Amino acid sequence: MKIYTKKGDKGQTSLIGGVKVSKSNLRIQAYGTIDELNSFIGVVRDAYEDKQSGDVLYRIQNLLFTIGSHLAADPEKSRMKLPEIKEEDIKLLEDEIDRMNEKLPPLMHFILPGGHIASSYCHVARCVCRRAERLIVELSESEIVEPIIIKYINRLSDYLFILSREILAANHAEEVKWIPGS
């Protein structure tokens, strides 16, 4: 099977459902950013060798693929049955946030990305997650987007922030404090 089709050579692509749109379309930008986020989460998973977090990150990656498919589908024309995004997916993130947060010292200051490569990658993923969230929210202002997608992506950025702190603690690395004026 050839990987290239040449169908997008003029800057158009098709949504699930057959509708052709520009590759600069907001829906394409939203699911493209989800794909970018998924790639960075793969980097975090490879850089942080913790079994429990690795298993959760793998589940997140699978769900991000599902979210990407929902965003890639024309909400009015697609008849494809896509996997569901469920409240229990959000609950998993919240449970993991609580589990990690219990072991961490209270956050008394703003922190800068850094201190350990896996933590820094986690911050990059968090920033890409926030960009994806902004694009999805913007898309939802003019087109149908399932509200649970926005909720999940919002919670995921919180999870990535706490995971970055856990990675530092697990590696006995210090948080880089933000000191205004330094």
C-alpha atoms as a PDB file:
ATOM      1  CA  MET A   1       0.000   0.000   0.000  1.00  0.00           C
ATOM      2  CA  LYS A   2       1.352   3.416  -0.941  1.00  0.00           C
ATOM      3  CA  ILE A   3       1.363   6.025   1.782  1.00  0.00           C
ATOM      4  CA  TYR A   4       0.851   8.928  -0.582  1.00  0.00           C
ATOM      5  CA  THR A   5      -2.368   9.485  -2.507  1.00  0.00           C
ATOM      6  CA  LYS A   6      -1.671  12.923  -4.046  1.00  0.00           C
ATOM      7  CA  LYS A   7      -5.267  13.902  -3.167  1.00  0.00           C
ATOM      8  CA  GLY A   8      -4.097  16.667  -0.831  1.00  0.00           C
ATOM      9  CA  ASP A   9      -1.599  18.238  -3.208  1.00  0.00           C
ATOM     10  CA  LYS A  10      -3.843  21.281  -3.742  1.00  0.00           C
ATOM     11  CA  GLY A  11      -4.288  22.011  -0.034  1.00  0.00           C
ATOM     12  CA  GLN A  12      -7.597  20.218   0.464  1.00  0.00           C
ATOM     13  CA  THR A  13      -8.429  17.223   2.619  1.00  0.00           C
ATOM     14  CA  SER A  14     -11.561  15.257   3.416  1.00  0.00           C
ATOM     15  CA  LEU A  15     -13.256  14.942   6.767  1.00  0.00           C
ATOM     16  CA  ILE A  16     -14.829  11.672   7.853  1.00  0.00           C
ATOM     17  CA  GLY A  17     -18.123  11.961   6.029  1.00  0.00           C
ATOM     18  CA  GLY A  18     -16.554  13.057   2.751  1.00  0.00           C
ATOM     19  CA  VAL A  19     -16.720  16.837   3.065  1.00  0.00           C
ATOM     20  CA  LYS A  20     -13.648  18.495   1.518  1.00  0.00           C
ATOM     21  CA  VAL A  21     -12.076  21.381   3.434  1.00  0.00           C
ATOM     22  CA  SER A  22      -8.896  23.429   3.291  1.00  0.00           C
ATOM     23  CA  LYS A  23      -5.974  22.028   5.236  1.00  0.00           C
ATOM     24  CA  SER A  24      -5.982  25.361   7.091  1.00  0.00           C
ATOM     25  CA  ASN A  25      -9.551  24.750   8.330  1.00  0.00           C
ATOM     26  CA  LEU A  26      -9.962  25.169  12.094  1.00  0.00           C
ATOM     27  CA  ARG A  27     -11.188  21.564  12.446  1.00  0.00           C
ATOM     28  CA  ILE A  28      -7.987  20.336  10.740  1.00  0.00           C
ATOM     29  CA  GLN A  29      -5.874  22.559  12.983  1.00  0.00           C
ATOM     30  CA  ALA A  30      -7.642  21.193  16.074  1.00  0.00           C
ATOM     31  CA  TYR A  31      -7.150  17.525  15.271  1.00  0.00           C
ATOM     32  CA  GLY A  32      -3.657  18.177  13.945  1.00  0.00           C
ATOM     33  CA  THR A  33      -2.754  19.714  17.288  1.00  0.00           C
ATOM     34  CA  ILE A  34      -4.219  16.676  19.062  1.00  0.00           C
ATOM     35  CA  ASP A  35      -1.917  14.550  16.893  1.00  0.00           C
ATOM     36  CA  GLU A  36       1.051  16.740  17.877  1.00  0.00           C
ATOM     37  CA  LEU A  37       0.069  16.399  21.544  1.00  0.00           C
ATOM     38  CA  ASN A  38      -0.134  12.631  21.157  1.00  0.00           C
ATOM     39  CA  SER A  39       3.399  12.602  19.741  1.00  0.00           C
ATOM     40  CA  PHE A  40       4.764  14.615  22.657  1.00  0.00           C
ATOM     41  CA  ILE A  41       3.024  12.326  25.135  1.00  0.00           C
ATOM     42  CA  GLY A  42       4.828   9.457  23.414  1.00  0.00           C
ATOM     43  CA  VAL A  43       8.101  11.292  24.065  1.00  0.00           C
ATOM     44  CA  VAL A  44       7.164  11.728  27.748  1.00  0.00           C
ATOM     45  CA  ARG A  45       6.262   8.040  28.000  1.00  0.00           C
ATOM     46  CA  ASP A  46       9.624   7.065  26.512  1.00  0.00           C
ATOM     47  CA  ALA A  47      11.592   9.520  28.680  1.00  0.00           C
ATOM     48  CA  TYR A  48       9.913   8.667  32.023  1.00  0.00           C
ATOM     49  CA  GLU A  49      10.323   5.010  32.811  1.00  0.00           C
ATOM     50  CA  ASP A  50       7.568   4.554  35.368  1.00  0.00           C
ATOM     51  CA  LYS A  51       5.217   1.611  34.800  1.00  0.00           C
ATOM     52  CA  GLN A  52       2.047   3.140  36.253  1.00  0.00           C
ATOM     53  CA  SER A  53       2.488   6.490  34.525  1.00  0.00           C
ATOM     54  CA  GLY A  54       3.504   4.710  31.327  1.00  0.00           C
ATOM     55  CA  ASP A  55       0.289   2.685  31.370  1.00  0.00           C
ATOM     56  CA  VAL A  56      -1.793   5.834  31.952  1.00  0.00           C
ATOM     57  CA  LEU A  57       0.049   7.717  29.206  1.00  0.00           C
ATOM     58  CA  TYR A  58      -0.621   4.832  26.820  1.00  0.00           C
ATOM     59  CA  ARG A  59      -4.350   5.024  27.644  1.00  0.00           C
ATOM     60  CA  ILE A  60      -4.228   8.790  27.116  1.00  0.00           C
ATOM     61  CA  GLN A  61      -2.595   8.310  23.720  1.00  0.00           C
ATOM     62  CA  ASN A  62      -5.324   5.896  22.658  1.00  0.00           C
ATOM     63  CA  LEU A  63      -8.030   8.300  23.798  1.00  0.00           C
ATOM     64  CA  LEU A  64      -6.341  11.203  22.002  1.00  0.00           C
ATOM     65  CA  PHE A  65      -6.541   9.155  18.815  1.00  0.00           C
ATOM     66  CA  THR A  66     -10.264   8.745  19.493  1.00  0.00           C
ATOM     67  CA  ILE A  67     -10.630  12.489  20.131  1.00  0.00           C
ATOM     68  CA  GLY A  68      -8.786  13.192  16.887  1.00  0.00           C
ATOM     69  CA  SER A  69     -11.215  10.953  15.010  1.00  0.00           C
ATOM     70  CA  HIS A  70     -14.191  12.805  16.531  1.00  0.00           C
ATOM     71  CA  LEU A  71     -12.678  16.131  15.478  1.00  0.00           C
ATOM     72  CA  ALA A  72     -11.899  14.755  11.997  1.00  0.00           C
ATOM     73  CA  ALA A  73     -15.529  13.760  11.440  1.00  0.00           C
ATOM     74  CA  ASP A  74     -18.007  16.136   9.866  1.00  0.00           C
ATOM     75  CA  PRO A  75     -20.634  16.379  12.632  1.00  0.00           C
ATOM     76  CA  GLU A  76     -23.509  16.541  10.160  1.00  0.00           C
ATOM     77  CA  LYS A  77     -22.419  14.147   7.386  1.00  0.00           C
ATOM     78  CA  SER A  78     -20.397  11.427   9.084  1.00  0.00           C
ATOM     79  CA  ARG A  79     -22.251   8.196   9.760  1.00  0.00           C
ATOM     80  CA  MET A  80     -19.198   6.371  11.082  1.00  0.00           C
ATOM     81  CA  LYS A  81     -19.567   4.881  14.569  1.00  0.00           C
ATOM     82  CA  LEU A  82     -16.647   6.241  16.582  1.00  0.00           C
ATOM     83  CA  PRO A  83     -15.452   5.029  19.995  1.00  0.00           C
ATOM     84  CA  GLU A  84     -16.976   6.947  22.895  1.00  0.00           C
ATOM     85  CA  ILE A  85     -15.238   9.395  25.186  1.00  0.00           C
ATOM     86  CA  LYS A  86     -16.602   8.769  28.669  1.00  0.00           C
ATOM     87  CA  GLU A  87     -16.711  10.519  32.028  1.00  0.00           C
ATOM     88  CA  GLU A  88     -14.647   7.619  33.391  1.00  0.00           C
ATOM     89  CA  ASP A  89     -11.791   8.766  31.110  1.00  0.00           C
ATOM     90  CA  ILE A  90     -11.825  12.114  32.920  1.00  0.00           C
ATOM     91  CA  LYS A  91     -12.132  10.341  36.280  1.00  0.00           C
ATOM     92  CA  LEU A  92      -8.947   8.396  35.507  1.00  0.00           C
ATOM     93  CA  LEU A  93      -7.060  11.671  35.033  1.00  0.00           C
ATOM     94  CA  GLU A  94      -8.516  13.122  38.225  1.00  0.00           C
ATOM     95  CA  ASP A  95      -7.630   9.979  40.208  1.00  0.00           C
ATOM     96  CA  GLU A  96      -4.078  10.083  38.851  1.00  0.00           C
ATOM     97  CA  ILE A  97      -3.759  13.799  39.650  1.00  0.00           C
ATOM     98  CA  ASP A  98      -4.918  13.111  43.224  1.00  0.00           C
ATOM     99  CA  ARG A  99      -2.602  10.088  43.583  1.00  0.00           C
ATOM    100  CA  MET A 100       0.462  12.030  42.455  1.00  0.00           C
ATOM    101  CA  ASN A 101      -0.455  15.200  44.317  1.00  0.00           C
ATOM    102  CA  GLU A 102      -0.699  13.339  47.648  1.00  0.00           C
ATOM    103  CA  LYS A 103       3.047  12.607  47.490  1.00  0.00           C
ATOM    104  CA  LEU A 104       4.164  16.049  46.322  1.00  0.00           C
ATOM    105  CA  PRO A 105       4.958  19.034  48.509  1.00  0.00           C
ATOM    106  CA  PRO A 106       2.369  21.819  48.386  1.00  0.00           C
ATOM    107  CA  LEU A 107       2.871  24.186  45.476  1.00  0.00           C
ATOM    108  CA  MET A 108       4.050  27.448  47.060  1.00  0.00           C
ATOM    109  CA  HIS A 109       5.393  29.206  43.969  1.00  0.00           C
ATOM    110  CA  PHE A 110       5.167  29.275  40.210  1.00  0.00           C
ATOM    111  CA  ILE A 111       7.611  26.926  38.570  1.00  0.00           C
ATOM    112  CA  LEU A 112       9.457  27.119  35.294  1.00  0.00           C
ATOM    113  CA  PRO A 113       9.822  24.146  32.968  1.00  0.00           C
ATOM    114  CA  GLY A 114      13.113  22.375  33.555  1.00  0.00           C
ATOM    115  CA  GLY A 115      14.979  20.291  36.074  1.00  0.00           C
ATOM    116  CA  HIS A 116      14.782  16.987  34.197  1.00  0.00           C
ATOM    117  CA  ILE A 117      14.360  16.187  30.506  1.00  0.00           C
ATOM    118  CA  ALA A 118      11.196  14.096  30.998  1.00  0.00           C
ATOM    119  CA  SER A 119       9.630  16.867  33.092  1.00  0.00           C
ATOM    120  CA  SER A 120      10.514  19.422  30.427  1.00  0.00           C
ATOM    121  CA  TYR A 121       8.911  17.244  27.742  1.00  0.00           C
ATOM    122  CA  CYS A 122       5.854  17.028  29.956  1.00  0.00           C
ATOM    123  CA  HIS A 123       5.673  20.840  30.031  1.00  0.00           C
ATOM    124  CA  VAL A 124       5.930  20.956  26.230  1.00  0.00           C
ATOM    125  CA  ALA A 125       3.048  18.454  26.042  1.00  0.00           C
ATOM    126  CA  ARG A 126       1.070  20.599  28.507  1.00  0.00           C
ATOM    127  CA  CYS A 127       1.553  23.690  26.336  1.00  0.00           C
ATOM    128  CA  VAL A 128       0.503  21.811  23.187  1.00  0.00           C
ATOM    129  CA  CYS A 129      -2.509  20.527  25.144  1.00  0.00           C
ATOM    130  CA  ARG A 130      -3.507  24.094  26.034  1.00  0.00           C
ATOM    131  CA  ARG A 131      -3.151  25.137  22.384  1.00  0.00           C
ATOM    132  CA  ALA A 132      -5.341  22.210  21.346  1.00  0.00           C
ATOM    133  CA  GLU A 133      -7.886  23.270  23.948  1.00  0.00           C
ATOM    134  CA  ARG A 134      -7.960  26.841  22.603  1.00  0.00           C
ATOM    135  CA  LEU A 135      -8.476  25.589  19.042  1.00  0.00           C
ATOM    136  CA  ILE A 136     -11.202  23.151  20.081  1.00  0.00           C
ATOM    137  CA  VAL A 137     -13.011  25.850  22.074  1.00  0.00           C
ATOM    138  CA  GLU A 138     -12.816  28.179  19.090  1.00  0.00           C
ATOM    139  CA  LEU A 139     -14.143  25.407  16.843  1.00  0.00           C
ATOM    140  CA  SER A 140     -17.013  24.782  19.282  1.00  0.00           C
ATOM    141  CA  GLU A 141     -18.108  28.393  18.909  1.00  0.00           C
ATOM    142  CA  SER A 142     -19.084  27.806  15.280  1.00  0.00           C
ATOM    143  CA  GLU A 143     -19.465  24.025  14.861  1.00  0.00           C
ATOM    144  CA  ILE A 144     -20.636  21.024  16.843  1.00  0.00           C
ATOM    145  CA  VAL A 145     -17.998  19.696  19.256  1.00  0.00           C
ATOM    146  CA  GLU A 146     -18.847  17.274  22.023  1.00  0.00           C
ATOM    147  CA  PRO A 147     -18.418  19.151  25.344  1.00  0.00           C
ATOM    148  CA  ILE A 148     -16.689  16.130  26.909  1.00  0.00           C
ATOM    149  CA  ILE A 149     -13.761  16.661  24.525  1.00  0.00           C
ATOM    150  CA  ILE A 150     -13.116  20.148  25.914  1.00  0.00           C
ATOM    151  CA  LYS A 151     -13.501  18.856  29.473  1.00  0.00           C
ATOM    152  CA  TYR A 152     -11.047  15.996  28.866  1.00  0.00           C
ATOM    153  CA  ILE A 153      -8.414  18.199  27.231  1.00  0.00           C
ATOM    154  CA  ASN A 154      -8.709  20.730  30.067  1.00  0.00           C
ATOM    155  CA  ARG A 155      -8.171  18.005  32.663  1.00  0.00           C
ATOM    156  CA  LEU A 156      -5.323  16.504  30.651  1.00  0.00           C
ATOM    157  CA  SER A 157      -3.314  19.716  30.879  1.00  0.00           C
ATOM    158  CA  ASP A 158      -3.715  19.604  34.676  1.00  0.00           C
ATOM    159  CA  TYR A 159      -2.574  15.980  34.673  1.00  0.00           C
ATOM    160  CA  LEU A 160       0.509  16.857  32.604  1.00  0.00           C
ATOM    161  CA  PHE A 161       1.437  19.659  35.006  1.00  0.00           C
ATOM    162  CA  ILE A 162       1.237  17.372  38.039  1.00  0.00           C
ATOM    163  CA  LEU A 163       3.064  14.607  36.159  1.00  0.00           C
ATOM    164  CA  SER A 164       5.900  17.051  35.438  1.00  0.00           C
ATOM    165  CA  ARG A 165       6.196  17.643  39.196  1.00  0.00           C
ATOM    166  CA  GLU A 166       6.064  13.901  39.944  1.00  0.00           C
ATOM    167  CA  ILE A 167       8.848  13.286  37.435  1.00  0.00           C
ATOM    168  CA  LEU A 168      11.036  15.838  39.206  1.00  0.00           C
ATOM    169  CA  ALA A 169      10.341  14.283  42.601  1.00  0.00           C
ATOM    170  CA  ALA A 170      10.973  10.738  41.333  1.00  0.00           C
ATOM    171  CA  ASN A 171      14.314  11.850  39.917  1.00  0.00           C
ATOM    172  CA  HIS A 172      15.300  13.859  43.010  1.00  0.00           C
ATOM    173  CA  ALA A 173      15.421  17.000  40.875  1.00  0.00           C
ATOM    174  CA  GLU A 174      14.490  20.448  42.111  1.00  0.00           C
ATOM    175  CA  GLU A 175      11.624  22.481  40.776  1.00  0.00           C
ATOM    176  CA  VAL A 176      12.863  25.605  39.030  1.00  0.00           C
ATOM    177  CA  LYS A 177      11.183  28.437  40.894  1.00  0.00           C
ATOM    178  CA  TRP A 178      10.022  31.502  39.021  1.00  0.00           C
ATOM    179  CA  ILE A 179      11.645  34.492  40.686  1.00  0.00           C
ATOM    180  CA  PRO A 180      10.299  37.720  39.193  1.00  0.00           C
ATOM    181  CA  GLY A 181      12.992  40.140  38.113  1.00  0.00           C
ATOM    182  CA  SER A 182      15.750  37.529  38.028  1.00  0.00           C
END
